[in-house]
């Protein structure tokens, strides 16, 4: 009784382990079952091929028996016509034996042919079932992978929540702050680069006016221009200078 309990407990543990492996990868378990069934089917097909050889052997014996019976019947008729009854009687006995054997072979052939056809149908059905199961395994495998991907995507979507209370939300806030800081630095740089532009432009304009004044004086000295054509601005500047001196 104790051994029986130990054996039952051992079987229970083995069944538990088997269930763990079964649930961890059911597709692999199904594939293993199909592969094993395929191997058994191959063995069954070899046996069927051997059995078909037996059927062909019996069929050949039946065909030979029919041929011998036909030949013996012809010989019996010929001997009877020739008046050779003794020879015809011996052939008749041989014909009877041949026909008895032919009848037995025909019954065996019918039995073997029926058995062969039944086993052939079973193997064909098993082959179709295996093809269907293989297709179903591929379908289940695809559905399992797709469902796993969907579950993974759902988890990723939850973990990528950009709410401020989540890690990604806080990271996003830090990134936006850095972007704002960088943009602020760039704006300051732009504003600083435009400082002093007006004074530079005013200085350039003054230098240009002085150059024009000097050119006008040189043109008067060289006789290229009369004093009357000197710009009013220049005259005002001259008068202003004279009045200041007086």
Protein backbone atom coordinates (compact mmCIF):
# COMPACT_ATOMS: atom_id res chain seq x y z
CA UNK A 1 0.00 0.00 0.00
CA UNK A 2 2.87 2.36 0.83
CA UNK A 3 4.53 1.61 -2.51
CA UNK A 4 1.24 2.36 -4.24
CA UNK A 5 1.03 5.75 -2.55
CA UNK A 6 4.64 6.53 -3.44
CA UNK A 7 4.03 5.57 -7.04
CA UNK A 8 0.89 7.73 -7.15
CA UNK A 9 2.78 10.69 -5.67
CA UNK A 10 5.61 10.18 -8.16
CA UNK A 11 3.16 10.11 -11.06
CA UNK A 12 1.50 13.26 -9.73
CA UNK A 13 4.86 15.07 -9.68
CA UNK A 14 5.66 13.90 -13.19
CA UNK A 15 2.24 15.07 -14.35
CA UNK A 16 2.87 18.45 -12.70
CA UNK A 17 6.21 18.82 -14.48
CA UNK A 18 4.62 17.76 -17.77
CA UNK A 19 1.88 20.37 -17.33
CA UNK A 20 4.52 23.07 -16.74
CA UNK A 21 6.29 22.22 -19.99
CA UNK A 22 2.96 21.87 -21.78
CA UNK A 23 1.77 25.31 -20.73
CA UNK A 24 5.14 26.97 -21.36
CA UNK A 25 5.21 26.01 -25.06
CA UNK A 26 2.00 24.30 -26.23
CA UNK A 27 2.91 24.83 -29.89
CA UNK A 28 6.07 22.77 -29.45
CA UNK A 29 4.04 20.02 -27.75
CA UNK A 30 1.54 19.97 -30.63
CA UNK A 31 4.37 19.93 -33.17
CA UNK A 32 5.97 16.99 -31.35
CA UNK A 33 2.70 15.06 -31.42
CA UNK A 34 2.29 15.75 -35.14
CA UNK A 35 5.88 14.71 -35.87
CA UNK A 36 5.39 11.48 -33.98
CA UNK A 37 2.10 10.83 -35.80
CA UNK A 38 3.87 11.53 -39.10
CA UNK A 39 6.55 8.95 -38.27
CA UNK A 40 3.88 6.39 -37.40
CA UNK A 41 2.13 7.21 -40.64
CA UNK A 42 5.35 6.62 -42.56
CA UNK A 43 5.73 3.21 -40.89
CA UNK A 44 2.11 2.43 -41.68
CA UNK A 45 2.67 3.36 -45.31
CA UNK A 46 5.66 1.01 -45.51
CA UNK A 47 3.52 -1.78 -44.07
CA UNK A 48 0.79 -0.99 -46.55
CA UNK A 49 3.29 -1.17 -49.40
CA UNK A 50 4.40 -4.60 -48.20
CA UNK A 51 0.78 -5.70 -47.87
CA UNK A 52 0.09 -4.50 -51.40
CA UNK A 53 2.92 -6.76 -52.54
CA UNK A 54 1.09 -9.70 -50.95
CA UNK A 55 -2.12 -8.70 -52.72
CA UNK A 56 -0.30 -8.52 -56.03
CA UNK A 57 1.17 -11.99 -55.42
CA UNK A 58 -2.29 -13.48 -54.76
CA UNK A 59 -3.67 -11.64 -57.79
CA UNK A 60 -0.93 -13.16 -59.92
CA UNK A 61 -1.83 -16.64 -58.59
CA UNK A 62 -5.49 -16.03 -59.45
CA UNK A 63 -4.57 -14.94 -62.97
CA UNK A 64 -2.35 -18.01 -63.37
CA UNK A 65 -5.12 -20.28 -62.06
CA UNK A 66 -7.60 -18.85 -64.55
CA UNK A 67 -5.13 -19.33 -67.38
CA UNK A 68 -4.43 -22.96 -66.34
CA UNK A 69 -8.15 -23.69 -66.03
CA UNK A 70 -8.82 -22.36 -69.52
CA UNK A 71 -5.92 -24.36 -70.94
CA UNK A 72 -7.02 -27.57 -69.16
CA UNK A 73 -10.58 -27.15 -70.39
CA UNK A 74 -9.31 -26.86 -73.94
CA UNK A 75 -7.13 -29.95 -73.55
CA UNK A 76 -10.01 -31.99 -72.04
CA UNK A 77 -12.28 -31.10 -74.94
CA UNK A 78 -9.58 -32.04 -77.43
CA UNK A 79 -8.93 -35.44 -75.83
CA UNK A 80 -12.66 -36.17 -75.60
CA UNK A 81 -13.04 -35.43 -79.31
CA UNK A 82 -10.09 -37.70 -79.99
CA UNK A 83 -11.67 -40.49 -77.92
CA UNK A 84 -8.85 -40.41 -75.35
CA UNK A 85 -11.07 -40.55 -72.26
CA UNK A 86 -8.37 -41.71 -69.85
CA UNK A 87 -6.19 -38.71 -70.58
CA UNK A 88 -9.26 -36.51 -70.50
CA UNK A 89 -10.14 -37.94 -67.05
CA UNK A 90 -6.68 -37.18 -65.67
CA UNK A 91 -6.90 -33.63 -66.99
CA UNK A 92 -10.39 -33.30 -65.47
CA UNK A 93 -9.01 -34.22 -62.03
CA UNK A 94 -6.20 -31.72 -62.50
CA UNK A 95 -8.77 -29.09 -63.60
CA UNK A 96 -10.84 -29.72 -60.49
CA UNK A 97 -7.79 -29.24 -58.27
CA UNK A 98 -6.83 -26.10 -60.18
CA UNK A 99 -10.34 -24.66 -59.89
CA UNK A 100 -10.46 -25.42 -56.15
CA UNK A 101 -7.17 -23.64 -55.65
CA UNK A 102 -8.35 -20.79 -57.88
CA UNK A 103 -11.51 -20.37 -55.83
CA UNK A 104 -9.48 -20.25 -52.61
CA UNK A 105 -7.08 -17.73 -54.10
CA UNK A 106 -9.96 -15.57 -55.33
CA UNK A 107 -11.46 -15.48 -51.85
CA UNK A 108 -8.07 -14.55 -50.38
CA UNK A 109 -7.61 -11.91 -53.06
CA UNK A 110 -11.00 -10.41 -52.30
CA UNK A 111 -10.26 -10.41 -48.58
CA UNK A 112 -6.78 -8.93 -48.98
CA UNK A 113 -7.98 -6.33 -51.49
CA UNK A 114 -10.73 -5.23 -49.11
CA UNK A 115 -8.27 -5.02 -46.21
CA UNK A 116 -5.80 -3.09 -48.36
CA UNK A 117 -8.42 -0.58 -49.49
CA UNK A 118 -9.63 -0.06 -45.91
CA UNK A 119 -6.10 0.55 -44.63
CA UNK A 120 -5.38 2.80 -47.60
CA UNK A 121 -8.40 4.93 -46.74
CA UNK A 122 -7.29 5.11 -43.11
CA UNK A 123 -3.79 6.23 -44.07
CA UNK A 124 -5.15 8.77 -46.54
CA UNK A 125 -7.49 10.10 -43.84
CA UNK A 126 -4.63 10.24 -41.32
CA UNK A 127 -2.48 12.10 -43.83
CA UNK A 128 -5.22 14.66 -44.42
CA UNK A 129 -5.70 15.06 -40.67
CA UNK A 130 -1.98 15.65 -40.19
CA UNK A 131 -2.01 18.31 -42.93
CA UNK A 132 -4.97 20.00 -41.21
CA UNK A 133 -3.27 19.86 -37.81
CA UNK A 134 -0.05 21.31 -39.24
CA UNK A 135 -2.05 24.16 -40.75
CA UNK A 136 -3.82 24.68 -37.43
CA UNK A 137 -0.47 24.72 -35.61
CA UNK A 138 0.77 27.45 -37.96
CA UNK A 139 -2.43 29.39 -37.34
CA UNK A 140 -2.19 28.97 -33.56
CA UNK A 141 1.49 29.92 -33.64
CA UNK A 142 0.70 33.10 -35.58
CA UNK A 143 -2.19 33.97 -33.27
CA UNK A 144 -0.07 33.39 -30.16
CA UNK A 145 2.71 35.61 -31.49
CA UNK A 146 0.21 38.28 -32.53
CA UNK A 147 -1.55 38.22 -29.15
CA UNK A 148 1.82 38.43 -27.38
CA UNK A 149 2.74 41.42 -29.56
CA UNK A 150 -0.59 43.09 -28.80
CA UNK A 151 -0.06 42.56 -25.07
CA UNK A 152 3.46 43.97 -25.33
CA UNK A 153 2.20 47.00 -27.26
CA UNK A 154 -0.46 47.59 -24.61
CA UNK A 155 2.18 47.52 -21.86
CA UNK A 156 4.44 49.86 -23.84
CA UNK A 157 1.54 52.27 -24.38
CA UNK A 158 0.91 52.33 -20.63
CA UNK A 159 4.59 52.81 -19.77
CA UNK A 160 4.93 55.61 -22.34
CA UNK A 161 2.22 57.71 -20.70
CA UNK A 162 3.39 61.34 -20.92
CA UNK A 163 1.49 62.41 -17.82
CA UNK A 164 3.56 64.64 -15.51
CA UNK A 165 3.24 62.08 -12.73
CA UNK A 166 5.07 59.41 -14.73
CA UNK A 167 8.79 59.05 -15.43
CA UNK A 168 8.32 59.80 -19.12
CA UNK A 169 6.26 62.87 -18.28
CA UNK A 170 9.02 64.18 -16.02
CA UNK A 171 11.66 63.44 -18.65
CA UNK A 172 9.60 65.30 -21.24
CA UNK A 173 9.38 68.32 -18.92
CA UNK A 174 13.18 68.34 -18.50
CA UNK A 175 13.64 68.16 -22.26
CA UNK A 176 11.21 71.05 -22.85
CA UNK A 177 13.04 73.11 -20.20
CA UNK A 178 16.36 72.49 -21.93
CA UNK A 179 14.82 73.46 -25.28
CA UNK A 180 13.48 76.72 -23.78
CA UNK A 181 16.90 77.48 -22.23
CA UNK A 182 18.69 76.90 -25.54
CA UNK A 183 16.21 79.08 -27.39
CA UNK A 184 16.68 81.80 -24.75
CA UNK A 185 20.46 81.70 -25.23
CA UNK A 186 20.03 81.93 -28.99
CA UNK A 187 17.71 84.96 -28.64
CA UNK A 188 20.17 86.73 -26.37
CA UNK A 189 22.96 86.07 -28.85
CA UNK A 190 20.87 87.58 -31.64
CA UNK A 191 19.97 90.61 -29.57
CA UNK A 192 23.61 91.12 -28.54
CA UNK A 193 24.80 90.88 -32.12
CA UNK A 194 22.50 93.77 -33.18
CA UNK A 195 23.81 96.08 -30.43
CA UNK A 196 25.94 99.03 -31.79
CA UNK A 197 24.71 98.59 -35.35
CA UNK A 198 23.14 102.08 -35.40
CA UNK A 199 26.32 103.81 -34.20
CA UNK A 200 28.34 101.88 -36.78
CA UNK A 201 25.97 102.96 -39.51
CA UNK A 202 26.06 106.63 -38.31
CA UNK A 203 29.86 106.56 -38.30
CA UNK A 204 29.92 105.16 -41.82
CA UNK A 205 27.48 107.90 -42.99
CA UNK A 206 29.67 110.63 -41.41
CA UNK A 207 32.78 109.28 -43.10
CA UNK A 208 30.94 109.24 -46.41
CA UNK A 209 29.83 112.91 -45.96
CA UNK A 210 33.38 114.00 -45.11
CA UNK A 211 34.65 112.24 -48.23
CA UNK A 212 32.09 114.10 -50.34
CA UNK A 213 33.17 117.44 -48.83
CA UNK A 214 36.80 116.81 -49.63
CA UNK A 215 35.98 115.76 -53.18
CA UNK A 216 33.94 118.93 -53.70
CA UNK A 217 36.87 121.10 -52.52
CA UNK A 218 39.29 119.29 -54.84
CA UNK A 219 36.90 119.71 -57.75
CA UNK A 220 36.74 123.52 -57.09
CA UNK A 221 40.53 123.78 -56.83
CA UNK A 222 40.97 121.88 -60.09
CA UNK A 223 38.36 123.99 -61.83
CA UNK A 224 36.09 121.03 -62.37
CA UNK A 225 33.36 122.72 -60.42
CA UNK A 226 32.55 126.42 -59.73
CA UNK A 227 32.11 127.57 -56.16
CA UNK A 228 28.48 128.35 -56.91
CA UNK A 229 27.78 124.61 -57.45
CA UNK A 230 29.12 123.74 -54.01
CA UNK A 231 26.32 122.13 -51.99
CA UNK A 232 24.36 124.34 -49.64
CA UNK A 233 25.32 122.08 -46.76
CA UNK A 234 28.97 122.83 -47.44
CA UNK A 235 28.29 126.58 -47.60
CA UNK A 236 26.45 126.47 -44.33
CA UNK A 237 29.31 124.56 -42.79
CA UNK A 238 31.81 127.19 -44.12
CA UNK A 239 29.71 130.12 -42.91
CA UNK A 240 29.30 128.54 -39.59
CA UNK A 241 33.01 128.11 -39.33
CA UNK A 242 33.73 131.76 -40.28
CA UNK A 243 31.18 133.16 -37.86
CA UNK A 244 32.60 130.99 -35.14
CA UNK A 245 36.10 132.30 -35.83
CA UNK A 246 34.94 135.95 -35.74
